[in-house]
Protein backbone atom coordinates (compact mmCIF):
# COMPACT_ATOMS: atom_id res chain seq x y z
CA MET A 1 0.00 0.00 0.00
CA SER A 2 1.29 3.45 -0.87
CA ARG A 3 0.55 4.92 2.55
CA PRO A 4 -0.50 3.59 5.88
CA LEU A 5 -4.28 3.75 6.43
CA LEU A 6 -6.43 4.61 9.64
CA ALA A 7 -8.50 2.09 11.59
CA LEU A 8 -12.05 1.28 10.56
CA ALA A 9 -14.18 1.98 13.62
CA ALA A 10 -17.76 1.96 12.59
CA LEU A 11 -20.68 0.19 11.20
CA LEU A 12 -21.29 -1.20 7.75
CA THR A 13 -25.06 -0.97 6.06
CA VAL A 14 -26.52 -2.93 3.00
CA GLY A 15 -28.31 -1.31 0.07
CA SER A 16 -29.41 -4.29 -1.97
CA THR A 17 -29.66 -7.51 -0.01
CA ALA A 18 -30.44 -9.44 -3.17
CA ALA A 19 -27.23 -8.27 -4.82
CA VAL A 20 -25.11 -9.74 -2.03
CA ALA A 21 -27.26 -12.68 -1.00
CA ALA A 22 -25.14 -15.67 -0.10
CA GLU A 23 -25.16 -18.73 2.05
CA LYS A 24 -25.23 -17.69 5.71
CA GLY A 25 -21.78 -17.30 7.15
CA ALA A 26 -19.93 -17.09 3.83
CA PRO A 27 -18.72 -13.73 2.45
CA PRO A 28 -20.66 -13.00 -0.77
CA ALA A 29 -18.57 -12.68 -3.94
CA ALA A 30 -19.54 -8.99 -4.13
CA LEU A 31 -17.74 -8.37 -0.84
CA GLN A 32 -14.61 -10.41 -1.49
CA GLY A 33 -11.42 -8.58 -2.41
CA ARG A 34 -9.52 -5.52 -1.28
CA TRP A 35 -11.30 -2.26 -0.48
CA SER A 36 -9.63 1.00 0.44
CA ALA A 37 -10.14 4.71 1.00
CA GLU A 38 -7.73 7.54 1.68
CA SER A 39 -8.07 11.25 2.34
CA ALA A 40 -6.19 14.17 3.86
CA VAL A 41 -7.71 16.20 6.69
CA THR A 42 -6.51 18.98 8.97
CA LYS A 43 -6.41 17.98 12.64
CA LEU A 44 -5.07 19.43 15.86
CA VAL A 45 -1.99 17.37 16.70
CA ARG A 46 0.27 17.64 19.76
CA VAL A 47 3.79 18.14 18.37
CA PRO A 48 7.11 19.55 19.64
CA VAL A 49 7.44 23.24 18.77
CA MET A 50 10.44 25.51 19.39
CA GLU A 51 9.66 28.76 21.17
CA SER A 52 12.01 31.71 21.36
CA LYS A 53 11.89 34.56 23.85
CA SER A 54 14.16 37.37 24.94
CA ALA A 55 15.67 37.42 28.42
CA PHE A 56 16.90 40.74 29.76
CA THR A 57 19.78 41.28 32.16
CA ARG A 58 20.36 44.30 34.35
CA ASN A 59 23.24 46.58 33.43
CA ALA A 60 24.76 47.92 36.66
CA GLY A 61 24.23 51.64 37.11
CA SER A 62 22.02 52.16 34.06
CA GLY A 63 18.89 50.09 34.62
CA TRP A 64 17.62 47.49 32.15
CA ALA A 65 19.75 47.14 29.05
CA MET A 66 19.30 45.56 25.64
CA GLY A 67 22.90 44.85 24.79
CA GLY A 68 24.31 42.33 22.34
CA ALA A 69 26.03 39.05 22.97
CA GLY A 70 28.81 39.20 25.54
CA SER A 71 27.40 42.24 27.31
CA SER A 72 24.66 43.01 29.74
CA GLY A 73 21.36 43.18 27.96
CA SER A 74 19.14 40.84 26.00
CA ARG A 75 19.65 37.30 24.90
CA VAL A 76 17.34 34.80 23.20
CA ILE A 77 16.31 31.60 24.92
CA HIS A 78 15.02 28.67 22.81
CA THR A 79 12.86 26.00 24.41
CA MET A 80 10.99 22.97 23.03
CA LYS A 81 7.37 22.60 24.10
CA ASP A 82 4.54 20.29 23.07
CA LYS A 83 1.67 22.26 21.59
CA GLU A 84 -1.48 21.42 19.67
CA MET A 85 -1.01 22.60 16.10
CA PRO A 86 -3.21 22.23 12.99
CA MET A 87 -1.55 19.74 10.66
CA SER A 88 -2.44 17.81 7.53
CA VAL A 89 -3.01 14.14 8.35
CA VAL A 90 -3.46 11.39 5.76
CA ILE A 91 -6.05 8.91 6.98
CA GLY A 92 -7.71 5.91 5.43
CA THR A 93 -8.87 2.33 5.65
CA THR A 94 -8.05 -0.92 3.89
CA LEU A 95 -10.33 -3.94 4.27
CA THR A 96 -9.46 -7.28 2.64
CA ILE A 97 -12.09 -10.05 2.61
CA ARG A 98 -10.97 -13.49 1.42
CA PRO A 99 -13.14 -16.28 -0.06
CA ASP A 100 -12.40 -18.52 2.94
CA GLY A 101 -14.05 -16.00 5.28
CA ARG A 102 -10.88 -14.48 6.70
CA PHE A 103 -10.34 -10.73 6.79
CA THR A 104 -7.63 -8.16 7.42
CA MET A 105 -8.59 -4.63 8.40
CA ILE A 106 -5.87 -1.98 8.36
CA GLY A 107 -6.26 1.62 9.39
CA ALA A 108 -3.61 4.29 9.70
CA GLN A 109 -2.78 7.92 9.94
CA GLU A 110 0.37 9.61 8.67
CA ARG A 111 1.64 13.16 9.06
CA ALA A 112 4.78 15.26 9.13
CA ALA A 113 6.78 15.03 12.36
CA SER A 114 6.16 18.75 13.07
CA PRO A 115 5.20 21.95 11.24
CA THR A 116 8.90 22.70 10.67
CA ASN A 117 9.94 19.12 9.85
CA GLN A 118 8.00 18.05 6.78
CA SER A 119 10.60 15.56 5.56
CA CYS A 120 10.14 13.13 8.47
CA ARG A 121 6.86 11.21 8.55
CA VAL A 122 5.15 9.88 11.67
CA SER A 123 2.66 7.03 11.31
CA THR A 124 0.27 4.99 13.42
CA VAL A 125 -1.11 1.77 11.96
CA GLN A 126 -3.73 -0.51 13.49
CA GLU A 127 -4.22 -3.98 12.01
CA LYS A 128 -6.96 -6.47 12.89
CA SER A 129 -7.45 -9.94 11.46
CA GLY A 130 -9.77 -12.87 12.00
CA ARG A 131 -12.91 -14.35 10.51
CA ILE A 132 -15.98 -12.75 8.99
CA ARG A 133 -19.48 -14.11 8.58
CA VAL A 134 -22.53 -12.65 6.91
CA GLU A 135 -25.90 -12.64 8.66
CA GLY A 136 -28.54 -11.11 6.43
CA ASP A 137 -27.55 -7.50 5.84
CA ALA A 138 -24.81 -7.52 8.49
CA MET A 139 -21.21 -8.64 8.64
CA VAL A 140 -19.84 -9.94 11.92
CA PHE A 141 -16.07 -9.68 12.39
CA THR A 142 -14.52 -12.04 14.94
CA ILE A 143 -11.15 -10.50 15.83
CA GLU A 144 -8.42 -13.04 16.50
CA ASP A 145 -5.34 -10.80 16.30
CA ALA A 146 -4.87 -7.04 16.63
CA VAL A 147 -1.75 -4.91 16.79
CA GLU A 148 -0.84 -1.22 16.76
CA ARG A 149 2.42 -0.09 15.17
CA LYS A 150 4.00 3.35 15.44
CA GLY A 151 7.00 4.68 13.58
CA ASN A 152 9.02 7.68 12.44
CA SER A 153 10.71 7.59 9.04
CA CYS A 154 13.70 9.50 10.46
CA ASP A 155 14.07 7.56 13.71
CA ALA A 156 13.93 3.78 13.38
CA SER A 157 14.67 3.37 17.09
CA SER A 158 11.31 4.92 17.99
CA ALA A 159 9.33 2.19 16.20
CA SER A 160 6.97 0.19 18.40
CA SER A 161 4.50 -2.66 18.04
CA THR A 162 1.86 -3.17 20.72
CA PRO A 163 -0.72 -6.00 20.85
CA MET A 164 -4.30 -4.77 21.15
CA ALA A 165 -7.17 -6.54 22.85
CA GLY A 166 -8.48 -9.30 20.59
CA GLY A 167 -11.09 -12.02 20.85
CA GLY A 168 -14.07 -9.72 20.51
CA THR A 169 -16.58 -9.24 17.72
CA GLU A 170 -17.65 -6.20 15.73
CA THR A 171 -20.93 -6.13 13.81
CA TYR A 172 -21.31 -3.92 10.75
CA ARG A 173 -24.13 -3.19 8.34
CA PHE A 174 -23.05 -2.49 4.78
CA THR A 175 -24.08 -1.12 1.39
CA VAL A 176 -22.31 -2.40 -1.72
CA SER A 177 -22.87 -1.41 -5.33
CA GLY A 178 -20.48 -2.48 -8.07
CA GLY A 179 -17.00 -1.45 -7.03
CA THR A 180 -18.12 0.76 -4.16
CA LEU A 181 -18.64 -0.22 -0.52
CA ARG A 182 -20.30 2.43 1.64
CA LEU A 183 -19.79 2.42 5.38
CA ASN A 184 -21.84 4.51 7.78
CA ALA A 185 -19.61 5.49 10.70
CA GLY A 186 -21.15 7.47 13.53
CA GLY A 187 -23.33 9.58 11.28
CA GLY A 188 -20.70 9.94 8.53
CA THR A 189 -20.24 7.82 5.42
CA LEU A 190 -16.94 6.24 4.43
CA VAL A 191 -16.75 5.22 0.78
CA LEU A 192 -14.33 2.40 -0.06
CA ALA A 193 -13.32 1.55 -3.61
CA LYS A 194 -12.50 -1.96 -4.76
CA LYS A 195 -8.85 -2.38 -5.79
């Protein structure tokens, strides 16, 4: 995949039950394959930001001074602080449904490391896998494995991989038409294209 993609956290809803009718428990042919969506949004992100401020020293006998380096007066102090800044974040979802009823769901977000460091990319990827079954107009995902990975393209030592809670189920309602799968997530609609 060209970019990491953000976790699917919502519910799927069917438009034409007849178009995806299949034996109970088996993923219909219309749902099998790889689906994905990607977009860029602006979000508030907590990132390290350098702040600069002047510090004044007192010049004996003449009050506060604004001298140059090496003399009484002002100097500039630089400090790094974490601040919430608006940044462009690439988000998306990839869902792969196999004929044997297994699935892989990958979601991710990727952004620049900071407003002043656009060359380094920071990513968070969540991956879930397990089995899927179809019950009428709903898909039930049984999650067997789940992991979250974080990384920085300029700092390999910061990479991490953390197991997430597995063993649960997620039920989704879905709408599929041709090469488009529409997902309704908390009042919004996510449109996935078949790849």
